[in-house]
């Protein structure tokens, strides 16, 4: 009887934990590694409606480890909004990673802010900001509603120049909210 009670309790706790899951936003993008100065730098982050960063999900290690000083064109919006210059090395290490190989990349947001607090339902923005050649940048930024049912939203890149070289670095950016 005790084994059955323990098993029942484990099942109930497991179901309770699954019900407590508040959901996530999964950001997917295609990345094609590029050759040349200032390429292959990007940041993936979430903003509130006021444009403040709620959570940084990823930034290339070169950029966050001071690359933004040597190359000010490296994700300048993220650099300014995140105040990376004021972060300690532990905070930076938690956000960064080596530049991955070409392919489809996936980043998940657990609906928590940078301090680990759950966010409220509402509209947020997923942002993929990239530097693809020299001083040329692309910004994918789109609203995604959090709180109701499953939503999938695609984002279109906005470029700061007409430069075509390496423009294919980031593409196919979309986010899916799963409650």
Protein backbone atom coordinates (compact mmCIF):
# COMPACT_ATOMS: atom_id res chain seq x y z
CA UNK A 1 0.00 0.00 0.00
CA UNK A 2 2.84 2.42 0.82
CA UNK A 3 4.41 1.82 -2.60
CA UNK A 4 1.09 2.56 -4.28
CA UNK A 5 0.63 5.72 -2.19
CA UNK A 6 4.18 6.85 -3.06
CA UNK A 7 3.54 6.18 -6.74
CA UNK A 8 0.24 8.06 -6.59
CA UNK A 9 1.94 11.02 -4.86
CA UNK A 10 4.69 11.04 -7.50
CA UNK A 11 2.09 11.07 -10.28
CA UNK A 12 0.14 13.90 -8.63
CA UNK A 13 3.32 15.93 -8.08
CA UNK A 14 4.40 15.31 -11.67
CA UNK A 15 1.03 16.45 -12.99
CA UNK A 16 1.11 19.51 -10.71
CA UNK A 17 4.57 20.43 -11.98
CA UNK A 18 3.42 20.08 -15.58
CA UNK A 19 0.41 22.32 -14.90
CA UNK A 20 2.67 24.91 -13.27
CA UNK A 21 4.74 25.16 -16.47
CA UNK A 22 4.01 28.67 -17.70
CA UNK A 23 5.17 28.05 -21.24
CA UNK A 24 7.94 29.36 -23.42
CA UNK A 25 8.80 31.29 -26.54
CA UNK A 26 11.02 29.48 -29.01
CA UNK A 27 12.92 31.66 -31.48
CA UNK A 28 14.18 29.91 -34.60
CA UNK A 29 16.48 31.31 -37.28
CA UNK A 30 18.66 30.17 -40.12
CA UNK A 31 22.33 31.08 -39.87
CA UNK A 32 24.86 30.94 -42.71
CA UNK A 33 28.43 31.56 -41.55
CA UNK A 34 30.06 34.39 -43.52
CA UNK A 35 33.64 35.40 -44.24
CA UNK A 36 34.84 38.95 -43.76
CA UNK A 37 35.36 41.66 -41.17
CA UNK A 38 32.56 42.38 -38.74
CA UNK A 39 30.45 39.42 -39.80
CA UNK A 40 28.87 36.63 -37.75
CA UNK A 41 27.90 38.76 -34.75
CA UNK A 42 24.39 38.75 -33.30
CA UNK A 43 22.26 38.99 -30.20
CA UNK A 44 18.89 37.41 -29.44
CA UNK A 45 16.77 39.10 -26.80
CA UNK A 46 13.28 39.91 -25.55
CA UNK A 47 11.93 43.44 -25.07
CA UNK A 48 8.89 44.83 -23.30
CA UNK A 49 6.53 47.24 -25.12
CA UNK A 50 8.69 50.19 -24.00
CA UNK A 51 11.73 48.70 -25.77
CA UNK A 52 13.55 47.73 -22.57
CA UNK A 53 15.38 44.40 -22.55
CA UNK A 54 13.54 41.84 -20.45
CA UNK A 55 15.95 38.99 -21.14
CA UNK A 56 19.00 38.38 -23.29
CA UNK A 57 18.98 34.84 -24.62
CA UNK A 58 22.26 34.85 -26.53
CA UNK A 59 25.01 37.11 -27.80
CA UNK A 60 28.15 36.10 -29.65
CA UNK A 61 31.14 35.80 -27.36
CA UNK A 62 33.29 38.19 -29.43
CA UNK A 63 30.72 40.96 -29.10
CA UNK A 64 30.05 40.62 -25.36
CA UNK A 65 33.69 40.08 -24.42
CA UNK A 66 34.63 43.55 -25.61
CA UNK A 67 34.31 43.15 -29.36
CA UNK A 68 31.80 46.01 -29.24
CA UNK A 69 34.68 48.29 -28.17
CA UNK A 70 36.99 47.19 -31.00
CA UNK A 71 34.10 47.09 -33.50
CA UNK A 72 31.37 49.52 -32.38
CA UNK A 73 29.08 48.20 -35.15
CA UNK A 74 28.71 44.85 -33.33
CA UNK A 75 25.04 44.72 -32.32
CA UNK A 76 25.00 48.37 -31.19
CA UNK A 77 21.36 48.41 -30.05
CA UNK A 78 21.86 45.43 -27.75
CA UNK A 79 25.16 46.86 -26.49
CA UNK A 80 23.47 50.12 -25.49
CA UNK A 81 20.27 48.66 -24.03
CA UNK A 82 21.93 45.80 -22.15
CA UNK A 83 24.65 47.90 -20.55
CA UNK A 84 27.13 45.10 -21.25
CA UNK A 85 29.92 47.45 -20.16
CA UNK A 86 28.49 47.32 -16.62
CA UNK A 87 28.14 43.53 -16.48
CA UNK A 88 30.54 41.32 -14.58
CA UNK A 89 32.24 38.41 -16.35
CA UNK A 90 29.82 35.88 -14.85
CA UNK A 91 26.83 37.69 -16.32
CA UNK A 92 28.54 37.91 -19.71
CA UNK A 93 29.52 34.23 -19.68
CA UNK A 94 25.89 33.26 -18.99
CA UNK A 95 24.74 35.02 -22.18
CA UNK A 96 27.47 34.13 -24.62
CA UNK A 97 28.68 31.27 -26.69
CA UNK A 98 31.06 30.59 -29.51
CA UNK A 99 29.75 31.34 -32.98
CA UNK A 100 27.97 28.13 -34.03
CA UNK A 101 28.18 26.31 -37.32
CA UNK A 102 25.77 27.17 -40.13
CA UNK A 103 22.27 25.77 -39.81
CA UNK A 104 18.98 26.30 -38.03
CA UNK A 105 19.46 27.77 -34.56
CA UNK A 106 16.91 27.69 -31.74
CA UNK A 107 16.77 29.86 -28.61
CA UNK A 108 14.15 29.37 -25.88
CA UNK A 109 12.77 31.97 -23.49
CA UNK A 110 11.24 30.56 -20.31
CA UNK A 111 9.09 33.68 -19.76
CA UNK A 112 11.38 34.99 -17.04
CA UNK A 113 13.27 38.26 -16.91
CA UNK A 114 17.03 38.66 -16.45
CA UNK A 115 16.53 38.37 -12.68
CA UNK A 116 14.65 35.07 -12.92
CA UNK A 117 11.20 36.49 -12.21
CA UNK A 118 8.21 35.24 -14.22
CA UNK A 119 6.79 37.88 -16.58
CA UNK A 120 3.13 38.78 -16.79
CA UNK A 121 0.95 38.00 -19.78
CA UNK A 122 1.02 40.65 -22.48
CA UNK A 123 2.83 41.63 -25.63
CA UNK A 124 6.59 41.29 -25.84
CA UNK A 125 9.03 41.65 -28.73
CA UNK A 126 11.54 39.06 -29.84
CA UNK A 127 14.65 40.61 -31.39
CA UNK A 128 17.46 39.16 -33.46
CA UNK A 129 20.06 41.85 -34.15
CA UNK A 130 23.02 41.02 -36.36
CA UNK A 131 26.13 42.57 -37.84
CA UNK A 132 26.73 40.89 -41.17
CA UNK A 133 29.54 42.84 -42.88
CA UNK A 134 31.65 45.71 -41.57
CA UNK A 135 29.20 48.31 -40.25
CA UNK A 136 26.14 46.70 -41.84
CA UNK A 137 23.43 45.46 -39.53
CA UNK A 138 20.09 43.74 -39.69
CA UNK A 139 17.33 43.86 -37.07
CA UNK A 140 14.48 41.37 -36.86
CA UNK A 141 11.96 42.64 -34.29
CA UNK A 142 8.38 41.49 -33.97
CA UNK A 143 5.63 41.47 -31.34
CA UNK A 144 4.48 38.20 -29.84
CA UNK A 145 1.48 37.98 -27.49
CA UNK A 146 2.04 35.91 -24.34
CA UNK A 147 -0.82 34.45 -22.34
CA UNK A 148 -3.51 32.96 -24.54
CA UNK A 149 -3.04 30.14 -27.03
CA UNK A 150 -0.16 29.01 -29.19
CA UNK A 151 1.07 31.74 -31.54
CA UNK A 152 3.67 31.67 -34.33
CA UNK A 153 5.05 34.98 -35.64
CA UNK A 154 7.57 35.62 -38.42
CA UNK A 155 9.91 38.61 -38.45
CA UNK A 156 11.26 40.53 -41.44
CA UNK A 157 14.77 41.93 -41.39
CA UNK A 158 15.31 45.68 -41.47
CA UNK A 159 18.74 46.57 -42.87
CA UNK A 160 20.73 49.73 -42.16
CA UNK A 161 22.28 49.78 -45.66
CA UNK A 162 21.89 48.49 -49.19
CA UNK A 163 25.04 46.36 -48.88
CA UNK A 164 24.27 42.90 -50.27
CA UNK A 165 27.51 41.18 -49.22
CA UNK A 166 26.81 38.63 -46.46
CA UNK A 167 23.13 39.63 -46.21
CA UNK A 168 22.17 35.99 -46.05
CA UNK A 169 23.87 35.53 -42.68
CA UNK A 170 20.54 35.53 -40.77
CA UNK A 171 17.17 34.63 -42.27
CA UNK A 172 13.97 32.72 -41.62
CA UNK A 173 13.47 34.29 -38.19
CA UNK A 174 10.28 33.38 -36.34
CA UNK A 175 9.05 32.78 -32.81
CA UNK A 176 6.45 30.41 -31.40
CA UNK A 177 4.74 30.93 -28.05
CA UNK A 178 3.68 27.65 -26.44
CA UNK A 179 1.57 28.05 -23.28
